[in-house]
N, C-alpha and C. Protein backbone atom coordinates (compact mmCIF):
# COMPACT_ATOMS: atom_id res chain seq x y z
N MET A 1 2.97 5.49 -6.40
CA MET A 1 2.83 4.31 -5.59
C MET A 1 1.36 3.93 -5.52
N ASN A 2 1.08 2.66 -5.61
CA ASN A 2 -0.29 2.17 -5.58
C ASN A 2 -0.84 2.23 -4.16
N GLU A 3 -1.94 2.93 -3.97
CA GLU A 3 -2.57 3.03 -2.66
C GLU A 3 -3.29 1.72 -2.35
N THR A 4 -3.22 1.28 -1.14
CA THR A 4 -3.94 0.07 -0.77
C THR A 4 -5.41 0.40 -0.62
N ARG A 5 -6.23 -0.63 -0.76
CA ARG A 5 -7.67 -0.38 -0.64
C ARG A 5 -8.07 -0.07 0.79
N ARG A 6 -7.17 -0.33 1.76
CA ARG A 6 -7.46 -0.04 3.16
C ARG A 6 -7.34 1.44 3.48
N LEU A 7 -6.73 2.20 2.59
CA LEU A 7 -6.48 3.60 2.88
C LEU A 7 -7.43 4.48 2.10
N PHE A 8 -8.31 5.13 2.79
CA PHE A 8 -9.23 6.07 2.16
C PHE A 8 -8.77 7.47 2.51
N LEU A 9 -8.34 8.20 1.52
CA LEU A 9 -7.87 9.55 1.77
C LEU A 9 -8.91 10.54 1.25
N LEU A 10 -9.45 11.28 2.17
CA LEU A 10 -10.38 12.34 1.81
C LEU A 10 -9.71 13.64 2.22
N SER A 11 -9.14 14.36 1.31
CA SER A 11 -8.27 15.50 1.60
C SER A 11 -8.98 16.70 2.10
N ALA A 12 -9.81 17.26 2.21
CA ALA A 12 -10.39 18.41 2.80
C ALA A 12 -11.90 18.36 2.59
N LEU A 13 -12.58 18.87 3.48
CA LEU A 13 -14.04 18.85 3.37
C LEU A 13 -14.54 19.95 2.45
N THR A 14 -13.86 21.07 2.42
CA THR A 14 -14.32 22.18 1.61
C THR A 14 -13.16 22.96 1.04
N GLY A 15 -13.37 23.59 -0.07
CA GLY A 15 -12.45 24.60 -0.53
C GLY A 15 -11.28 24.19 -1.39
N LEU A 16 -10.94 22.93 -1.53
CA LEU A 16 -9.79 22.56 -2.32
C LEU A 16 -10.24 21.92 -3.63
N ALA A 17 -9.63 22.32 -4.71
CA ALA A 17 -9.96 21.74 -6.02
C ALA A 17 -9.52 20.30 -6.06
N GLY A 18 -10.31 19.47 -6.67
CA GLY A 18 -9.94 18.08 -6.84
C GLY A 18 -10.14 17.21 -5.62
N THR A 19 -10.78 17.70 -4.58
CA THR A 19 -10.97 16.88 -3.39
C THR A 19 -12.23 16.05 -3.53
N ALA A 20 -12.26 15.01 -2.75
CA ALA A 20 -13.45 14.16 -2.74
C ALA A 20 -14.58 14.90 -2.05
N SER A 21 -15.78 14.71 -2.53
CA SER A 21 -16.91 15.33 -1.87
C SER A 21 -17.70 14.26 -1.14
N LEU A 22 -18.29 14.66 -0.06
CA LEU A 22 -19.06 13.73 0.75
C LEU A 22 -20.50 14.19 0.81
N ALA A 23 -21.39 13.24 0.79
CA ALA A 23 -22.79 13.56 1.04
C ALA A 23 -22.99 13.36 2.53
N PHE A 24 -23.07 14.45 3.25
CA PHE A 24 -23.17 14.36 4.69
C PHE A 24 -24.56 13.92 5.11
N ALA A 25 -24.57 13.05 6.10
CA ALA A 25 -25.84 12.59 6.67
C ALA A 25 -26.50 13.76 7.37
N PRO A 26 -27.83 13.70 7.54
CA PRO A 26 -28.50 14.78 8.26
C PRO A 26 -27.93 14.92 9.67
N ALA A 27 -27.99 16.11 10.18
CA ALA A 27 -27.46 16.37 11.53
C ALA A 27 -28.16 15.48 12.55
N LEU A 28 -27.41 15.07 13.55
CA LEU A 28 -27.99 14.27 14.62
C LEU A 28 -28.97 15.12 15.39
N ALA A 29 -30.03 14.50 15.85
CA ALA A 29 -30.99 15.22 16.66
C ALA A 29 -30.37 15.51 18.02
N GLY A 30 -30.61 16.68 18.55
CA GLY A 30 -30.10 17.00 19.87
C GLY A 30 -28.70 17.58 19.82
N ALA A 31 -28.23 18.02 20.96
CA ALA A 31 -26.91 18.64 21.06
C ALA A 31 -25.85 17.59 21.31
N ALA A 32 -24.62 18.00 21.12
CA ALA A 32 -23.50 17.10 21.41
C ALA A 32 -23.46 16.78 22.89
N LEU A 33 -22.96 15.60 23.21
CA LEU A 33 -22.81 15.22 24.60
C LEU A 33 -21.82 16.15 25.27
N PRO A 34 -22.00 16.44 26.54
CA PRO A 34 -21.03 17.30 27.21
C PRO A 34 -19.68 16.60 27.31
N LEU A 35 -18.63 17.39 27.39
CA LEU A 35 -17.27 16.87 27.44
C LEU A 35 -17.07 15.92 28.61
N HIS A 36 -17.68 16.18 29.74
CA HIS A 36 -17.46 15.36 30.92
C HIS A 36 -18.66 14.47 31.22
N SER A 37 -19.22 13.83 30.20
CA SER A 37 -20.33 12.91 30.42
C SER A 37 -19.79 11.61 31.01
N ALA A 38 -20.67 10.69 31.31
CA ALA A 38 -20.28 9.43 31.93
C ALA A 38 -19.37 8.60 31.03
N THR A 39 -19.49 8.77 29.71
CA THR A 39 -18.67 7.97 28.80
C THR A 39 -17.36 8.65 28.41
N ASP A 40 -17.16 9.87 28.86
CA ASP A 40 -15.95 10.61 28.51
C ASP A 40 -14.96 10.58 29.67
N ALA A 41 -13.69 10.61 29.35
CA ALA A 41 -12.67 10.65 30.40
C ALA A 41 -11.37 11.18 29.84
N LEU A 42 -10.59 11.78 30.70
CA LEU A 42 -9.24 12.16 30.35
C LEU A 42 -8.34 11.15 31.05
N ARG A 43 -7.61 10.39 30.28
CA ARG A 43 -6.86 9.27 30.82
C ARG A 43 -5.37 9.46 30.57
N ALA A 44 -4.57 8.94 31.48
CA ALA A 44 -3.12 8.97 31.31
C ALA A 44 -2.70 7.76 30.51
N VAL A 45 -1.74 7.95 29.65
CA VAL A 45 -1.22 6.85 28.85
C VAL A 45 0.19 6.58 29.34
N ALA A 46 0.35 5.51 30.09
CA ALA A 46 1.65 5.19 30.68
C ALA A 46 2.63 4.64 29.64
N ALA A 47 2.13 3.94 28.65
CA ALA A 47 3.01 3.25 27.71
C ALA A 47 3.56 4.14 26.61
N SER A 48 3.06 5.33 26.47
CA SER A 48 3.48 6.18 25.35
C SER A 48 3.85 7.57 25.83
N GLN A 49 5.06 7.99 25.57
CA GLN A 49 5.47 9.34 25.91
C GLN A 49 4.93 10.34 24.89
N SER A 50 4.52 9.85 23.74
CA SER A 50 4.07 10.72 22.67
C SER A 50 2.75 11.41 22.97
N ALA A 51 1.87 10.74 23.66
CA ALA A 51 0.58 11.31 24.04
C ALA A 51 0.44 11.12 25.54
N ARG A 52 0.69 12.17 26.29
CA ARG A 52 0.68 12.05 27.74
C ARG A 52 -0.71 11.85 28.30
N SER A 53 -1.70 12.28 27.58
CA SER A 53 -3.08 12.07 27.99
C SER A 53 -3.95 12.03 26.73
N TYR A 54 -5.16 11.55 26.90
CA TYR A 54 -6.08 11.56 25.77
C TYR A 54 -7.51 11.64 26.27
N HIS A 55 -8.34 12.17 25.44
CA HIS A 55 -9.77 12.25 25.69
C HIS A 55 -10.38 11.01 25.03
N ALA A 56 -11.23 10.31 25.74
CA ALA A 56 -11.90 9.14 25.17
C ALA A 56 -13.40 9.31 25.32
N ALA A 57 -14.13 8.87 24.31
CA ALA A 57 -15.58 8.94 24.35
C ALA A 57 -16.14 7.71 23.64
N GLY A 58 -17.29 7.28 24.08
CA GLY A 58 -17.97 6.16 23.43
C GLY A 58 -17.57 4.82 23.99
N PRO A 59 -18.30 3.80 23.59
CA PRO A 59 -18.05 2.45 24.12
C PRO A 59 -16.72 1.89 23.61
N GLU A 60 -15.98 1.21 24.49
CA GLU A 60 -14.69 0.65 24.10
C GLU A 60 -14.82 -0.42 23.03
N GLU A 61 -15.98 -1.06 22.91
CA GLU A 61 -16.17 -2.08 21.88
C GLU A 61 -16.56 -1.48 20.52
N GLY A 62 -16.76 -0.17 20.47
CA GLY A 62 -17.08 0.49 19.20
C GLY A 62 -15.87 0.57 18.30
N ARG A 63 -16.10 0.77 17.00
CA ARG A 63 -15.01 0.94 16.05
C ARG A 63 -14.20 2.17 16.46
N PRO A 64 -12.86 2.05 16.51
CA PRO A 64 -12.04 3.17 16.98
C PRO A 64 -11.79 4.24 15.92
N ILE A 65 -11.88 5.47 16.38
CA ILE A 65 -11.55 6.64 15.57
C ILE A 65 -10.58 7.48 16.38
N VAL A 66 -9.43 7.80 15.79
CA VAL A 66 -8.43 8.63 16.45
C VAL A 66 -8.48 10.02 15.83
N LEU A 67 -8.84 11.01 16.64
CA LEU A 67 -8.84 12.40 16.22
C LEU A 67 -7.52 13.00 16.70
N ALA A 68 -6.56 13.15 15.80
CA ALA A 68 -5.23 13.64 16.17
C ALA A 68 -5.28 15.14 16.42
N ARG A 69 -4.79 15.54 17.59
CA ARG A 69 -4.83 16.94 17.98
C ARG A 69 -3.44 17.39 18.42
N SER A 70 -2.92 18.42 17.76
CA SER A 70 -1.64 18.95 18.20
C SER A 70 -1.85 19.75 19.48
N HIS A 71 -0.79 19.91 20.23
CA HIS A 71 -0.90 20.57 21.53
C HIS A 71 -1.43 22.00 21.42
N SER A 72 -1.24 22.63 20.27
CA SER A 72 -1.68 24.02 20.12
C SER A 72 -3.14 24.15 19.69
N GLN A 73 -3.78 23.03 19.35
CA GLN A 73 -5.17 23.11 18.89
C GLN A 73 -6.13 22.99 20.07
N ASP A 74 -7.22 23.72 19.99
CA ASP A 74 -8.24 23.75 21.03
C ASP A 74 -8.95 22.40 21.13
N ILE A 75 -9.09 21.89 22.33
CA ILE A 75 -9.73 20.59 22.55
C ILE A 75 -11.24 20.65 22.33
N GLU A 76 -11.84 21.81 22.43
CA GLU A 76 -13.31 21.90 22.40
C GLU A 76 -13.92 21.37 21.10
N ARG A 77 -13.37 21.74 19.95
CA ARG A 77 -13.91 21.25 18.68
C ARG A 77 -13.76 19.74 18.59
N TYR A 78 -12.62 19.24 19.06
CA TYR A 78 -12.39 17.81 19.05
C TYR A 78 -13.35 17.10 19.99
N ALA A 79 -13.58 17.67 21.15
CA ALA A 79 -14.50 17.07 22.12
C ALA A 79 -15.92 17.04 21.56
N ASN A 80 -16.32 18.09 20.86
CA ASN A 80 -17.65 18.11 20.26
C ASN A 80 -17.79 17.05 19.17
N ALA A 81 -16.79 16.92 18.31
CA ALA A 81 -16.83 15.88 17.27
C ALA A 81 -16.80 14.50 17.92
N ALA A 82 -15.99 14.33 18.95
CA ALA A 82 -15.92 13.04 19.66
C ALA A 82 -17.27 12.68 20.27
N SER A 83 -17.94 13.64 20.84
CA SER A 83 -19.26 13.39 21.44
C SER A 83 -20.29 12.97 20.40
N LEU A 84 -20.25 13.63 19.25
CA LEU A 84 -21.17 13.27 18.17
C LEU A 84 -20.92 11.84 17.69
N LEU A 85 -19.65 11.46 17.57
CA LEU A 85 -19.30 10.11 17.13
C LEU A 85 -19.61 9.08 18.21
N ALA A 86 -19.37 9.42 19.47
CA ALA A 86 -19.67 8.51 20.57
C ALA A 86 -21.17 8.21 20.64
N ALA A 87 -21.98 9.20 20.33
CA ALA A 87 -23.43 9.02 20.33
C ALA A 87 -23.87 8.01 19.27
N GLN A 88 -23.01 7.78 18.26
CA GLN A 88 -23.30 6.80 17.21
C GLN A 88 -22.69 5.44 17.52
N GLY A 89 -22.03 5.32 18.69
CA GLY A 89 -21.48 4.03 19.11
C GLY A 89 -20.03 3.81 18.76
N TYR A 90 -19.30 4.85 18.33
CA TYR A 90 -17.89 4.71 18.01
C TYR A 90 -17.03 4.98 19.24
N HIS A 91 -15.87 4.35 19.30
CA HIS A 91 -14.90 4.58 20.37
C HIS A 91 -13.91 5.62 19.85
N VAL A 92 -13.98 6.82 20.40
CA VAL A 92 -13.21 7.95 19.89
C VAL A 92 -12.10 8.30 20.86
N LEU A 93 -10.90 8.44 20.32
CA LEU A 93 -9.73 8.78 21.12
C LEU A 93 -9.11 10.05 20.57
N VAL A 94 -8.84 11.00 21.46
CA VAL A 94 -8.25 12.27 21.06
C VAL A 94 -6.95 12.44 21.84
N PRO A 95 -5.83 11.94 21.31
CA PRO A 95 -4.57 12.10 22.03
C PRO A 95 -4.04 13.52 21.92
N ALA A 96 -3.46 14.00 22.99
CA ALA A 96 -2.80 15.31 22.99
C ALA A 96 -1.36 15.08 22.55
N LEU A 97 -1.05 15.42 21.32
CA LEU A 97 0.27 15.17 20.76
C LEU A 97 1.27 16.25 21.17
N ARG A 98 2.52 15.86 21.18
CA ARG A 98 3.60 16.80 21.49
C ARG A 98 3.88 17.69 20.29
N ASP A 99 4.74 18.66 20.49
CA ASP A 99 5.15 19.55 19.40
C ASP A 99 6.33 18.91 18.69
N ALA A 100 6.12 18.47 17.45
CA ALA A 100 7.17 17.82 16.68
C ALA A 100 6.81 17.89 15.20
N ASP A 101 7.74 17.44 14.35
CA ASP A 101 7.44 17.45 12.92
C ASP A 101 6.46 16.32 12.60
N PRO A 102 5.75 16.41 11.47
CA PRO A 102 4.71 15.44 11.13
C PRO A 102 5.19 13.99 11.10
N ALA A 103 6.40 13.74 10.62
CA ALA A 103 6.90 12.35 10.57
C ALA A 103 7.03 11.76 11.96
N GLU A 104 7.52 12.56 12.91
CA GLU A 104 7.62 12.08 14.29
C GLU A 104 6.24 11.88 14.90
N LEU A 105 5.32 12.78 14.59
CA LEU A 105 3.96 12.64 15.11
C LEU A 105 3.26 11.42 14.52
N GLY A 106 3.57 11.08 13.28
CA GLY A 106 3.03 9.85 12.69
C GLY A 106 3.49 8.64 13.48
N LYS A 107 4.76 8.61 13.85
CA LYS A 107 5.28 7.53 14.70
C LYS A 107 4.57 7.54 16.06
N ASP A 108 4.37 8.74 16.58
CA ASP A 108 3.69 8.87 17.87
C ASP A 108 2.27 8.31 17.82
N LEU A 109 1.57 8.56 16.72
CA LEU A 109 0.20 8.05 16.60
C LEU A 109 0.16 6.53 16.57
N ILE A 110 1.09 5.92 15.87
CA ILE A 110 1.16 4.45 15.86
C ILE A 110 1.52 3.95 17.25
N ALA A 111 2.47 4.60 17.92
CA ALA A 111 2.84 4.21 19.29
C ALA A 111 1.64 4.39 20.23
N PHE A 112 0.85 5.43 20.00
CA PHE A 112 -0.33 5.66 20.84
C PHE A 112 -1.33 4.52 20.72
N ILE A 113 -1.68 4.14 19.48
CA ILE A 113 -2.68 3.06 19.37
C ILE A 113 -2.11 1.74 19.89
N ASP A 114 -0.80 1.57 19.79
CA ASP A 114 -0.18 0.39 20.41
C ASP A 114 -0.38 0.43 21.92
N SER A 115 -0.17 1.60 22.52
CA SER A 115 -0.24 1.73 23.97
C SER A 115 -1.64 1.51 24.53
N VAL A 116 -2.66 1.75 23.71
CA VAL A 116 -4.04 1.52 24.17
C VAL A 116 -4.63 0.26 23.54
N HIS A 117 -3.76 -0.55 22.94
CA HIS A 117 -4.12 -1.88 22.41
C HIS A 117 -5.22 -1.84 21.36
N ILE A 118 -5.06 -0.94 20.41
CA ILE A 118 -5.99 -0.85 19.28
C ILE A 118 -5.23 -1.27 18.03
N PRO A 119 -5.66 -2.34 17.36
CA PRO A 119 -4.92 -2.83 16.21
C PRO A 119 -5.05 -1.96 14.96
N GLU A 120 -6.18 -1.29 14.80
CA GLU A 120 -6.40 -0.47 13.61
C GLU A 120 -7.49 0.55 13.92
N ALA A 121 -7.48 1.65 13.18
CA ALA A 121 -8.44 2.72 13.45
C ALA A 121 -8.60 3.60 12.22
N VAL A 122 -9.65 4.41 12.25
CA VAL A 122 -9.79 5.51 11.31
C VAL A 122 -9.07 6.69 11.96
N PHE A 123 -8.23 7.37 11.19
CA PHE A 123 -7.46 8.51 11.69
C PHE A 123 -7.97 9.80 11.06
N VAL A 124 -8.15 10.82 11.90
CA VAL A 124 -8.63 12.12 11.45
C VAL A 124 -7.65 13.18 11.93
N GLY A 125 -7.20 14.03 11.03
CA GLY A 125 -6.33 15.13 11.39
C GLY A 125 -6.90 16.44 10.88
N ILE A 126 -6.91 17.42 11.74
CA ILE A 126 -7.44 18.73 11.40
C ILE A 126 -6.27 19.70 11.25
N GLY A 127 -6.24 20.38 10.13
CA GLY A 127 -5.18 21.37 9.93
C GLY A 127 -3.80 20.73 9.98
N GLN A 128 -2.93 21.21 10.89
CA GLN A 128 -1.57 20.72 11.01
C GLN A 128 -1.50 19.24 11.37
N SER A 129 -2.40 18.77 12.18
CA SER A 129 -2.36 17.36 12.57
C SER A 129 -2.75 16.44 11.41
N GLY A 130 -3.29 17.00 10.35
CA GLY A 130 -3.58 16.22 9.15
C GLY A 130 -2.32 15.63 8.53
N GLN A 131 -1.24 16.36 8.62
CA GLN A 131 0.04 15.85 8.13
C GLN A 131 0.52 14.68 8.99
N ALA A 132 0.23 14.72 10.27
CA ALA A 132 0.63 13.64 11.19
C ALA A 132 -0.13 12.36 10.88
N VAL A 133 -1.44 12.46 10.60
CA VAL A 133 -2.20 11.23 10.29
C VAL A 133 -1.75 10.65 8.95
N ARG A 134 -1.38 11.52 8.03
CA ARG A 134 -0.85 11.04 6.75
C ARG A 134 0.48 10.31 6.96
N ALA A 135 1.33 10.85 7.83
CA ALA A 135 2.60 10.20 8.14
C ALA A 135 2.38 8.85 8.81
N ALA A 136 1.38 8.75 9.68
CA ALA A 136 1.07 7.47 10.31
C ALA A 136 0.63 6.45 9.27
N ALA A 137 -0.17 6.89 8.31
CA ALA A 137 -0.61 5.98 7.24
C ALA A 137 0.56 5.55 6.36
N ASP A 138 1.46 6.47 6.08
CA ASP A 138 2.63 6.12 5.28
C ASP A 138 3.52 5.13 6.01
N LEU A 139 3.56 5.25 7.32
CA LEU A 139 4.40 4.39 8.14
C LEU A 139 3.82 2.98 8.30
N ARG A 140 2.53 2.89 8.58
CA ARG A 140 1.89 1.59 8.85
C ARG A 140 0.49 1.55 8.24
N ARG A 141 0.40 1.39 6.94
CA ARG A 141 -0.89 1.39 6.24
C ARG A 141 -1.86 0.35 6.78
N SER A 142 -1.35 -0.78 7.22
CA SER A 142 -2.23 -1.84 7.71
C SER A 142 -2.96 -1.45 8.99
N ARG A 143 -2.49 -0.42 9.67
CA ARG A 143 -3.11 0.01 10.92
C ARG A 143 -4.15 1.11 10.69
N VAL A 144 -4.19 1.65 9.47
CA VAL A 144 -5.07 2.79 9.15
C VAL A 144 -6.18 2.31 8.24
N VAL A 145 -7.37 2.17 8.80
CA VAL A 145 -8.54 1.73 8.03
C VAL A 145 -9.03 2.85 7.13
N GLY A 146 -8.97 4.07 7.63
CA GLY A 146 -9.39 5.23 6.87
C GLY A 146 -8.61 6.44 7.32
N LEU A 147 -8.44 7.37 6.41
CA LEU A 147 -7.66 8.58 6.68
C LEU A 147 -8.47 9.78 6.23
N LEU A 148 -8.60 10.75 7.12
CA LEU A 148 -9.34 11.97 6.81
C LEU A 148 -8.49 13.16 7.20
N GLN A 149 -8.15 13.99 6.22
CA GLN A 149 -7.45 15.24 6.48
C GLN A 149 -8.46 16.37 6.29
N VAL A 150 -8.66 17.15 7.34
CA VAL A 150 -9.74 18.13 7.38
C VAL A 150 -9.16 19.53 7.46
N GLU A 151 -9.80 20.46 6.77
CA GLU A 151 -9.42 21.87 6.86
C GLU A 151 -9.79 22.42 8.23
N ASP A 152 -9.08 23.46 8.63
CA ASP A 152 -9.35 24.11 9.91
C ASP A 152 -10.77 24.65 10.02
N SER A 153 -11.39 24.95 8.89
CA SER A 153 -12.72 25.56 8.91
C SER A 153 -13.86 24.54 9.10
N ALA A 154 -13.56 23.26 9.11
CA ALA A 154 -14.60 22.24 9.24
C ALA A 154 -15.27 22.31 10.61
N THR A 155 -16.57 22.07 10.62
CA THR A 155 -17.32 22.07 11.88
C THR A 155 -17.24 20.68 12.52
N PRO A 156 -17.51 20.60 13.83
CA PRO A 156 -17.54 19.27 14.47
C PRO A 156 -18.52 18.31 13.79
N GLN A 157 -19.65 18.81 13.34
CA GLN A 157 -20.64 17.96 12.67
C GLN A 157 -20.08 17.42 11.36
N GLN A 158 -19.41 18.26 10.58
CA GLN A 158 -18.81 17.80 9.32
C GLN A 158 -17.73 16.76 9.58
N ILE A 159 -16.92 17.00 10.59
CA ILE A 159 -15.87 16.05 10.94
C ILE A 159 -16.47 14.71 11.34
N ALA A 160 -17.50 14.75 12.20
CA ALA A 160 -18.15 13.52 12.66
C ALA A 160 -18.79 12.77 11.50
N ASP A 161 -19.47 13.48 10.62
CA ASP A 161 -20.13 12.83 9.49
C ASP A 161 -19.12 12.16 8.56
N ALA A 162 -18.03 12.85 8.27
CA ALA A 162 -17.01 12.30 7.37
C ALA A 162 -16.31 11.10 8.01
N ALA A 163 -16.00 11.19 9.29
CA ALA A 163 -15.35 10.07 9.99
C ALA A 163 -16.26 8.86 10.05
N ALA A 164 -17.53 9.07 10.34
CA ALA A 164 -18.49 7.95 10.39
C ALA A 164 -18.62 7.28 9.02
N THR A 165 -18.58 8.07 7.96
CA THR A 165 -18.62 7.51 6.60
C THR A 165 -17.42 6.60 6.36
N LEU A 166 -16.24 7.03 6.78
CA LEU A 166 -15.05 6.20 6.61
C LEU A 166 -15.14 4.90 7.43
N VAL A 167 -15.67 5.00 8.63
CA VAL A 167 -15.81 3.79 9.45
C VAL A 167 -16.72 2.79 8.76
N ARG A 168 -17.82 3.27 8.23
CA ARG A 168 -18.77 2.36 7.56
C ARG A 168 -18.20 1.76 6.28
N GLN A 169 -17.35 2.50 5.57
CA GLN A 169 -16.77 2.03 4.31
C GLN A 169 -15.51 1.20 4.50
N GLY A 170 -14.92 1.26 5.68
CA GLY A 170 -13.63 0.62 5.93
C GLY A 170 -13.66 -0.88 5.85
N LYS A 171 -12.53 -1.45 5.51
CA LYS A 171 -12.33 -2.90 5.48
C LYS A 171 -11.60 -3.27 6.75
N TRP A 172 -12.33 -3.69 7.77
CA TRP A 172 -11.78 -3.97 9.08
C TRP A 172 -11.30 -5.42 9.16
N ARG A 173 -10.13 -5.62 9.76
CA ARG A 173 -9.62 -6.97 10.00
C ARG A 173 -10.15 -7.52 11.32
N THR A 174 -10.36 -6.64 12.27
CA THR A 174 -10.76 -7.06 13.62
C THR A 174 -12.22 -6.85 13.85
């Protein structure tokens, strides 16, 4: 099947043969913003049962990045990557997904961005949630500006650098 130009798939940051390589930007000066800074919040999502809450960081007018996190994954790495991206002016959303198969989680991710009124975003999935972001892209390609599937071993800095690269390369409608 012909991939649309709106879908950028970068399959793992390290360790897999045949994957795209990224030239990572130099590390940001300073430490990541704390999880509970003035721009961060844990918010309830009334419109979507799929993500009962989500972590948000960065200005709401920034380009949206969804870091998909399964319920079993630790929020700390996601919060650190979100803080690094928020410091660059991106609007980062980390929904806490339910326990389900990847196809259902893909539907949940689309329902989530609908519930927070985001027409399109860059989607990032780490480990198991990488399958969920792929399912979301398969379901609604027009809503996925960029897709990043990351290995479990990726650092928050690597995740932030790769996601920021996709945002800059993306073909945004809005």
